[in-house]
């Protein structure tokens, strides 16, 4: 498919810069960017609530549980940072 696109000057400069730094043609850089964007949608985007909940629980299980209270107040987080 052939398509004509009009990019802002900022985007055009970014594309040209990326093409120059990677040694690729402008067309290849644009095609890669579009392809990455389209393929970035994973099955996670279509996951059921139960699948999402399972992944969330797996993520939670990666972190250690603490048995004592944790002082996560703003004051304790930024203590000694030159205020």
PDB file of N, CA and C in Angstrom:
ATOM      1  N   UNK A   1       0.852  -1.172   0.000  1.00  0.00           N
ATOM      2  CA  UNK A   1       0.000   0.000   0.000  1.00  0.00           C
ATOM      3  C   UNK A   1       0.899   1.236   0.000  1.00  0.00           C
ATOM      4  N   UNK A   2       0.515   2.195  -0.769  1.00  0.00           N
ATOM      5  CA  UNK A   2       1.224   3.469  -0.804  1.00  0.00           C
ATOM      6  C   UNK A   2       0.347   4.513  -0.131  1.00  0.00           C
ATOM      7  N   UNK A   3       0.980   5.377   0.676  1.00  0.00           N
ATOM      8  CA  UNK A   3       0.227   6.371   1.422  1.00  0.00           C
ATOM      9  C   UNK A   3       1.063   7.629   1.536  1.00  0.00           C
ATOM     10  N   UNK A   4       0.408   8.758   1.487  1.00  0.00           N
ATOM     11  CA  UNK A   4       1.101  10.023   1.701  1.00  0.00           C
ATOM     12  C   UNK A   4       0.714  10.539   3.073  1.00  0.00           C
ATOM     13  N   UNK A   5       1.731  10.869   3.884  1.00  0.00           N
ATOM     14  CA  UNK A   5       1.495  11.352   5.234  1.00  0.00           C
ATOM     15  C   UNK A   5       2.095  12.733   5.398  1.00  0.00           C
ATOM     16  N   UNK A   6       1.429  13.576   6.158  1.00  0.00           N
ATOM     17  CA  UNK A   6       1.943  14.906   6.470  1.00  0.00           C
ATOM     18  C   UNK A   6       2.237  14.958   7.963  1.00  0.00           C
ATOM     19  N   UNK A   7       3.532  15.022   8.300  1.00  0.00           N
ATOM     20  CA  UNK A   7       3.960  15.089   9.685  1.00  0.00           C
ATOM     21  C   UNK A   7       4.291  16.521  10.058  1.00  0.00           C
ATOM     22  N   UNK A   8       4.166  16.817  11.337  1.00  0.00           N
ATOM     23  CA  UNK A   8       4.609  18.122  11.818  1.00  0.00           C
ATOM     24  C   UNK A   8       6.124  18.182  11.664  1.00  0.00           C
ATOM     25  N   UNK A   9       6.675  19.392  11.709  1.00  0.00           N
ATOM     26  CA  UNK A   9       8.123  19.537  11.569  1.00  0.00           C
ATOM     27  C   UNK A   9       8.857  18.791  12.676  1.00  0.00           C
ATOM     28  N   UNK A  10       8.309  18.816  13.882  1.00  0.00           N
ATOM     29  CA  UNK A  10       8.943  18.142  15.007  1.00  0.00           C
ATOM     30  C   UNK A  10       9.033  16.637  14.750  1.00  0.00           C
ATOM     31  N   UNK A  11       7.936  16.035  14.323  1.00  0.00           N
ATOM     32  CA  UNK A  11       7.926  14.598  14.059  1.00  0.00           C
ATOM     33  C   UNK A  11       8.823  14.280  12.865  1.00  0.00           C
ATOM     34  N   UNK A  12       8.783  15.119  11.864  1.00  0.00           N
ATOM     35  CA  UNK A  12       9.641  14.909  10.695  1.00  0.00           C
ATOM     36  C   UNK A  12      11.115  14.900  11.096  1.00  0.00           C
ATOM     37  N   UNK A  13      11.512  15.836  11.940  1.00  0.00           N
ATOM     38  CA  UNK A  13      12.905  15.897  12.376  1.00  0.00           C
ATOM     39  C   UNK A  13      13.275  14.654  13.198  1.00  0.00           C
ATOM     40  N   UNK A  14      12.363  14.215  14.047  1.00  0.00           N
ATOM     41  CA  UNK A  14      12.621  13.005  14.828  1.00  0.00           C
ATOM     42  C   UNK A  14      12.802  11.794  13.919  1.00  0.00           C
ATOM     43  N   UNK A  15      11.944  11.677  12.921  1.00  0.00           N
ATOM     44  CA  UNK A  15      12.044  10.559  11.992  1.00  0.00           C
ATOM     45  C   UNK A  15      13.347  10.610  11.201  1.00  0.00           C
ATOM     46  N   UNK A  16      13.694  11.787  10.704  1.00  0.00           N
ATOM     47  CA  UNK A  16      14.930  11.927   9.945  1.00  0.00           C
ATOM     48  C   UNK A  16      16.144  11.623  10.809  1.00  0.00           C
ATOM     49  N   UNK A  17      16.113  12.089  12.043  1.00  0.00           N
ATOM     50  CA  UNK A  17      17.213  11.847  12.966  1.00  0.00           C
ATOM     51  C   UNK A  17      17.350  10.361  13.270  1.00  0.00           C
ATOM     52  N   UNK A  18      16.237   9.715  13.509  1.00  0.00           N
ATOM     53  CA  UNK A  18      16.274   8.282  13.806  1.00  0.00           C
ATOM     54  C   UNK A  18      16.764   7.480  12.601  1.00  0.00           C
ATOM     55  N   UNK A  19      16.333   7.880  11.417  1.00  0.00           N
ATOM     56  CA  UNK A  19      16.789   7.193  10.202  1.00  0.00           C
ATOM     57  C   UNK A  19      18.291   7.358  10.027  1.00  0.00           C
ATOM     58  N   UNK A  20      18.777   8.569  10.242  1.00  0.00           N
ATOM     59  CA  UNK A  20      20.212   8.829  10.079  1.00  0.00           C
ATOM     60  C   UNK A  20      21.032   8.060  11.101  1.00  0.00           C
ATOM     61  N   UNK A  21      20.576   8.039  12.347  1.00  0.00           N
ATOM     62  CA  UNK A  21      21.355   7.380  13.393  1.00  0.00           C
ATOM     63  C   UNK A  21      21.324   5.859  13.271  1.00  0.00           C
ATOM     64  N   UNK A  22      20.277   5.320  12.659  1.00  0.00           N
ATOM     65  CA  UNK A  22      20.175   3.864  12.543  1.00  0.00           C
ATOM     66  C   UNK A  22      20.688   3.345  11.205  1.00  0.00           C
ATOM     67  N   UNK A  23      20.938   4.267  10.271  1.00  0.00           N
ATOM     68  CA  UNK A  23      21.394   3.847   8.954  1.00  0.00           C
ATOM     69  C   UNK A  23      20.293   3.235   8.105  1.00  0.00           C
ATOM     70  N   UNK A  24      19.054   3.498   8.472  1.00  0.00           N
ATOM     71  CA  UNK A  24      17.908   2.956   7.735  1.00  0.00           C
ATOM     72  C   UNK A  24      17.267   4.055   6.912  1.00  0.00           C
ATOM     73  N   UNK A  25      16.464   3.641   5.947  1.00  0.00           N
ATOM     74  CA  UNK A  25      15.741   4.629   5.145  1.00  0.00           C
ATOM     75  C   UNK A  25      14.597   5.201   5.969  1.00  0.00           C
ATOM     76  N   UNK A  26      14.136   6.372   5.583  1.00  0.00           N
ATOM     77  CA  UNK A  26      13.015   7.011   6.267  1.00  0.00           C
ATOM     78  C   UNK A  26      11.784   6.108   6.207  1.00  0.00           C
ATOM     79  N   UNK A  27      11.557   5.495   5.064  1.00  0.00           N
ATOM     80  CA  UNK A  27      10.410   4.601   4.900  1.00  0.00           C
ATOM     81  C   UNK A  27      10.477   3.428   5.876  1.00  0.00           C
ATOM     82  N   UNK A  28      11.681   2.853   6.046  1.00  0.00           N
ATOM     83  CA  UNK A  28      11.831   1.730   6.971  1.00  0.00           C
ATOM     84  C   UNK A  28      11.563   2.157   8.407  1.00  0.00           C
ATOM     85  N   UNK A  29      12.024   3.335   8.785  1.00  0.00           N
ATOM     86  CA  UNK A  29      11.811   3.825  10.147  1.00  0.00           C
ATOM     87  C   UNK A  29      10.325   4.033  10.409  1.00  0.00           C
ATOM     88  N   UNK A  30       9.615   4.633   9.462  1.00  0.00           N
ATOM     89  CA  UNK A  30       8.173   4.862   9.623  1.00  0.00           C
ATOM     90  C   UNK A  30       7.438   3.531   9.676  1.00  0.00           C
ATOM     91  N   UNK A  31       7.798   2.608   8.794  1.00  0.00           N
ATOM     92  CA  UNK A  31       7.141   1.302   8.774  1.00  0.00           C
ATOM     93  C   UNK A  31       7.373   0.551  10.080  1.00  0.00           C
ATOM     94  N   UNK A  32       8.588   0.601  10.616  1.00  0.00           N
ATOM     95  CA  UNK A  32       8.875  -0.053  11.891  1.00  0.00           C
ATOM     96  C   UNK A  32       8.063   0.564  13.027  1.00  0.00           C
ATOM     97  N   UNK A  33       7.960   1.891  13.036  1.00  0.00           N
ATOM     98  CA  UNK A  33       7.212   2.570  14.099  1.00  0.00           C
ATOM     99  C   UNK A  33       5.736   2.188  14.056  1.00  0.00           C
ATOM    100  N   UNK A  34       5.172   2.162  12.867  1.00  0.00           N
ATOM    101  CA  UNK A  34       3.755   1.798  12.729  1.00  0.00           C
ATOM    102  C   UNK A  34       3.551   0.337  13.118  1.00  0.00           C
ATOM    103  N   UNK A  35       4.438  -0.524  12.661  1.00  0.00           N
ATOM    104  CA  UNK A  35       4.329  -1.947  12.972  1.00  0.00           C
ATOM    105  C   UNK A  35       4.432  -2.195  14.467  1.00  0.00           C
ATOM    106  N   UNK A  36       5.405  -1.556  15.129  1.00  0.00           N
ATOM    107  CA  UNK A  36       5.549  -1.709  16.582  1.00  0.00           C
ATOM    108  C   UNK A  36       4.291  -1.269  17.308  1.00  0.00           C
ATOM    109  N   UNK A  37       3.738  -0.145  16.896  1.00  0.00           N
ATOM    110  CA  UNK A  37       2.538   0.383  17.547  1.00  0.00           C
ATOM    111  C   UNK A  37       1.369  -0.575  17.396  1.00  0.00           C
ATOM    112  N   UNK A  38       1.213  -1.120  16.209  1.00  0.00           N
ATOM    113  CA  UNK A  38       0.085  -2.020  15.972  1.00  0.00           C
ATOM    114  C   UNK A  38       0.256  -3.352  16.685  1.00  0.00           C
ATOM    115  N   UNK A  39       1.477  -3.841  16.754  1.00  0.00           N
ATOM    116  CA  UNK A  39       1.715  -5.129  17.387  1.00  0.00           C
ATOM    117  C   UNK A  39       1.865  -5.024  18.898  1.00  0.00           C
ATOM    118  N   UNK A  40       1.945  -3.808  19.427  1.00  0.00           N
ATOM    119  CA  UNK A  40       2.112  -3.613  20.866  1.00  0.00           C
ATOM    120  C   UNK A  40       0.892  -4.091  21.635  1.00  0.00           C
ATOM    121  N   UNK A  41      -0.241  -4.126  20.997  1.00  0.00           N
ATOM    122  CA  UNK A  41      -1.438  -4.622  21.672  1.00  0.00           C
ATOM    123  C   UNK A  41      -1.298  -6.121  21.809  1.00  0.00           C
ATOM    124  N   UNK A  42      -1.227  -6.563  23.046  1.00  0.00           N
ATOM    125  CA  UNK A  42      -1.029  -7.976  23.328  1.00  0.00           C
ATOM    126  C   UNK A  42      -2.341  -8.619  23.733  1.00  0.00           C
ATOM    127  N   UNK A  43      -2.277  -9.891  23.978  1.00  0.00           N
ATOM    128  CA  UNK A  43      -3.451 -10.599  24.466  1.00  0.00           C
ATOM    129  C   UNK A  43      -3.907 -10.046  25.807  1.00  0.00           C
ATOM    130  N   UNK A  44      -2.974  -9.389  26.541  1.00  0.00           N
ATOM    131  CA  UNK A  44      -3.333  -8.786  27.821  1.00  0.00           C
ATOM    132  C   UNK A  44      -4.448  -7.761  27.644  1.00  0.00           C
ATOM    133  N   UNK A  45      -4.437  -7.064  26.492  1.00  0.00           N
ATOM    134  CA  UNK A  45      -5.466  -6.056  26.246  1.00  0.00           C
ATOM    135  C   UNK A  45      -6.848  -6.683  26.144  1.00  0.00           C
ATOM    136  N   UNK A  46      -6.883  -7.950  25.781  1.00  0.00           N
ATOM    137  CA  UNK A  46      -8.154  -8.641  25.599  1.00  0.00           C
ATOM    138  C   UNK A  46      -8.432  -9.642  26.721  1.00  0.00           C
ATOM    139  N   UNK A  47      -7.650  -9.583  27.785  1.00  0.00           N
ATOM    140  CA  UNK A  47      -7.767 -10.553  28.865  1.00  0.00           C
ATOM    141  C   UNK A  47      -9.091 -10.412  29.599  1.00  0.00           C
ATOM    142  N   UNK A  48      -9.584 -11.534  30.055  1.00  0.00           N
ATOM    143  CA  UNK A  48     -10.790 -11.505  30.879  1.00  0.00           C
ATOM    144  C   UNK A  48     -10.420 -10.970  32.254  1.00  0.00           C
ATOM    145  N   UNK A  49     -11.416 -10.643  33.036  1.00  0.00           N
ATOM    146  CA  UNK A  49     -11.154 -10.147  34.380  1.00  0.00           C
ATOM    147  C   UNK A  49     -10.401 -11.191  35.197  1.00  0.00           C
ATOM    148  N   UNK A  50     -10.773 -12.457  35.044  1.00  0.00           N
ATOM    149  CA  UNK A  50     -10.120 -13.520  35.804  1.00  0.00           C
ATOM    150  C   UNK A  50      -8.638 -13.630  35.433  1.00  0.00           C
ATOM    151  N   UNK A  51      -8.303 -13.492  34.142  1.00  0.00           N
ATOM    152  CA  UNK A  51      -6.905 -13.532  33.710  1.00  0.00           C
ATOM    153  C   UNK A  51      -6.145 -12.336  34.261  1.00  0.00           C
ATOM    154  N   UNK A  52      -6.765 -11.167  34.196  1.00  0.00           N
ATOM    155  CA  UNK A  52      -6.134  -9.955  34.717  1.00  0.00           C
ATOM    156  C   UNK A  52      -5.885 -10.097  36.213  1.00  0.00           C
ATOM    157  N   UNK A  53      -6.885 -10.626  36.931  1.00  0.00           N
ATOM    158  CA  UNK A  53      -6.761 -10.806  38.369  1.00  0.00           C
ATOM    159  C   UNK A  53      -5.638 -11.799  38.694  1.00  0.00           C
ATOM    160  N   UNK A  54      -5.509 -12.854  37.907  1.00  0.00           N
ATOM    161  CA  UNK A  54      -4.441 -13.846  38.105  1.00  0.00           C
ATOM    162  C   UNK A  54      -3.072 -13.200  37.914  1.00  0.00           C
ATOM    163  N   UNK A  55      -2.909 -12.395  36.851  1.00  0.00           N
ATOM    164  CA  UNK A  55      -1.637 -11.708  36.603  1.00  0.00           C
ATOM    165  C   UNK A  55      -1.317 -10.710  37.710  1.00  0.00           C
ATOM    166  N   UNK A  56      -2.334 -10.030  38.183  1.00  0.00           N
ATOM    167  CA  UNK A  56      -2.133  -9.085  39.280  1.00  0.00           C
ATOM    168  C   UNK A  56      -1.664  -9.820  40.534  1.00  0.00           C
ATOM    169  N   UNK A  57      -2.290 -10.936  40.840  1.00  0.00           N
ATOM    170  CA  UNK A  57      -1.896 -11.699  42.027  1.00  0.00           C
ATOM    171  C   UNK A  57      -0.470 -12.222  41.883  1.00  0.00           C
ATOM    172  N   UNK A  58      -0.079 -12.653  40.673  1.00  0.00           N
ATOM    173  CA  UNK A  58       1.293 -13.111  40.444  1.00  0.00           C
ATOM    174  C   UNK A  58       2.283 -11.966  40.684  1.00  0.00           C
ATOM    175  N   UNK A  59       1.912 -10.771  40.256  1.00  0.00           N
ATOM    176  CA  UNK A  59       2.762  -9.600  40.477  1.00  0.00           C
ATOM    177  C   UNK A  59       2.878  -9.300  41.971  1.00  0.00           C
ATOM    178  N   UNK A  60       1.767  -9.347  42.660  1.00  0.00           N
ATOM    179  CA  UNK A  60       1.760  -9.090  44.103  1.00  0.00           C
ATOM    180  C   UNK A  60       2.632 -10.117  44.824  1.00  0.00           C
ATOM    181  N   UNK A  61       2.542 -11.370  44.404  1.00  0.00           N
ATOM    182  CA  UNK A  61       3.307 -12.440  45.053  1.00  0.00           C
ATOM    183  C   UNK A  61       4.807 -12.288  44.863  1.00  0.00           C
ATOM    184  N   UNK A  62       5.238 -11.497  43.889  1.00  0.00           N
ATOM    185  CA  UNK A  62       6.662 -11.267  43.673  1.00  0.00           C
ATOM    186  C   UNK A  62       7.277 -10.395  44.762  1.00  0.00           C
ATOM    187  N   UNK A  63       6.459  -9.684  45.501  1.00  0.00           N
ATOM    188  CA  UNK A  63       6.944  -8.735  46.495  1.00  0.00           C
ATOM    189  C   UNK A  63       6.822  -9.330  47.894  1.00  0.00           C
ATOM    190  N   UNK A  64       7.831  -9.116  48.712  1.00  0.00           N
ATOM    191  CA  UNK A  64       7.790  -9.693  50.061  1.00  0.00           C
ATOM    192  C   UNK A  64       6.716  -9.033  50.921  1.00  0.00           C
ATOM    193  N   UNK A  65       6.157  -9.832  51.787  1.00  0.00           N
ATOM    194  CA  UNK A  65       5.174  -9.305  52.735  1.00  0.00           C
ATOM    195  C   UNK A  65       5.929  -8.805  53.961  1.00  0.00           C
ATOM    196  N   UNK A  66       5.431  -7.738  54.553  1.00  0.00           N
ATOM    197  CA  UNK A  66       6.046  -7.206  55.767  1.00  0.00           C
ATOM    198  C   UNK A  66       5.067  -7.405  56.921  1.00  0.00           C
ATOM    199  N   UNK A  67       5.615  -7.775  58.066  1.00  0.00           N
ATOM    200  CA  UNK A  67       4.749  -8.032  59.217  1.00  0.00           C
ATOM    201  C   UNK A  67       4.664  -6.834  60.152  1.00  0.00           C
ATOM    202  N   UNK A  68       5.611  -5.910  60.023  1.00  0.00           N
ATOM    203  CA  UNK A  68       5.604  -4.738  60.894  1.00  0.00           C
ATOM    204  C   UNK A  68       5.063  -3.529  60.112  1.00  0.00           C
ATOM    205  N   UNK A  69       4.537  -2.539  60.831  1.00  0.00           N
ATOM    206  CA  UNK A  69       4.045  -1.338  60.157  1.00  0.00           C
ATOM    207  C   UNK A  69       5.190  -0.620  59.426  1.00  0.00           C
ATOM    208  N   UNK A  70       4.870  -0.027  58.314  1.00  0.00           N
ATOM    209  CA  UNK A  70       5.852   0.692  57.512  1.00  0.00           C
ATOM    210  C   UNK A  70       5.481   2.172  57.520  1.00  0.00           C
ATOM    211  N   UNK A  71       6.460   3.018  57.823  1.00  0.00           N
ATOM    212  CA  UNK A  71       6.213   4.459  57.806  1.00  0.00           C
ATOM    213  C   UNK A  71       6.425   4.960  56.376  1.00  0.00           C
ATOM    214  N   UNK A  72       5.336   5.104  55.653  1.00  0.00           N
ATOM    215  CA  UNK A  72       5.437   5.585  54.273  1.00  0.00           C
ATOM    216  C   UNK A  72       4.890   7.012  54.146  1.00  0.00           C
ATOM    217  N   UNK A  73       4.987   7.753  55.244  1.00  0.00           N
ATOM    218  CA  UNK A  73       4.528   9.133  55.218  1.00  0.00           C
ATOM    219  C   UNK A  73       5.446   9.978  54.340  1.00  0.00           C
ATOM    220  N   UNK A  74       4.937  11.046  53.830  1.00  0.00           N
ATOM    221  CA  UNK A  74       5.724  11.953  52.991  1.00  0.00           C
ATOM    222  C   UNK A  74       6.969  12.432  53.723  1.00  0.00           C
ATOM    223  N   UNK A  75       6.807  12.712  55.013  1.00  0.00           N
ATOM    224  CA  UNK A  75       7.931  13.213  55.802  1.00  0.00           C
ATOM    225  C   UNK A  75       9.069  12.188  55.857  1.00  0.00           C
ATOM    226  N   UNK A  76       8.723  10.918  56.050  1.00  0.00           N
ATOM    227  CA  UNK A  76       9.775   9.901  56.150  1.00  0.00           C
ATOM    228  C   UNK A  76      10.420   9.638  54.797  1.00  0.00           C
ATOM    229  N   UNK A  77       9.674   9.746  53.734  1.00  0.00           N
ATOM    230  CA  UNK A  77      10.211   9.494  52.392  1.00  0.00           C
ATOM    231  C   UNK A  77      11.218  10.583  52.007  1.00  0.00           C
ATOM    232  N   UNK A  78      10.870  11.835  52.315  1.00  0.00           N
ATOM    233  CA  UNK A  78      11.720  12.949  51.887  1.00  0.00           C
ATOM    234  C   UNK A  78      12.631  13.469  52.988  1.00  0.00           C
ATOM    235  N   UNK A  79      12.717  12.753  54.092  1.00  0.00           N
ATOM    236  CA  UNK A  79      13.546  13.191  55.208  1.00  0.00           C
ATOM    237  C   UNK A  79      15.003  13.322  54.786  1.00  0.00           C
ATOM    238  N   UNK A  80      15.615  14.472  55.152  1.00  0.00           N
ATOM    239  CA  UNK A  80      17.026  14.703  54.863  1.00  0.00           C
ATOM    240  C   UNK A  80      17.333  15.076  53.421  1.00  0.00           C
ATOM    241  N   UNK A  81      16.350  15.536  52.704  1.00  0.00           N
ATOM    242  CA  UNK A  81      16.574  15.892  51.296  1.00  0.00           C
ATOM    243  C   UNK A  81      16.712  17.416  51.115  1.00  0.00           C
ATOM    244  N   UNK A  82      17.243  18.089  52.106  1.00  0.00           N
ATOM    245  CA  UNK A  82      17.549  19.507  51.961  1.00  0.00           C
ATOM    246  C   UNK A  82      16.376  20.453  52.047  1.00  0.00           C
ATOM    247  N   UNK A  83      15.395  20.112  52.815  1.00  0.00           N
ATOM    248  CA  UNK A  83      14.233  20.996  52.901  1.00  0.00           C
ATOM    249  C   UNK A  83      14.392  22.020  53.969  1.00  0.00           C
TER     250      UNK A  83
END
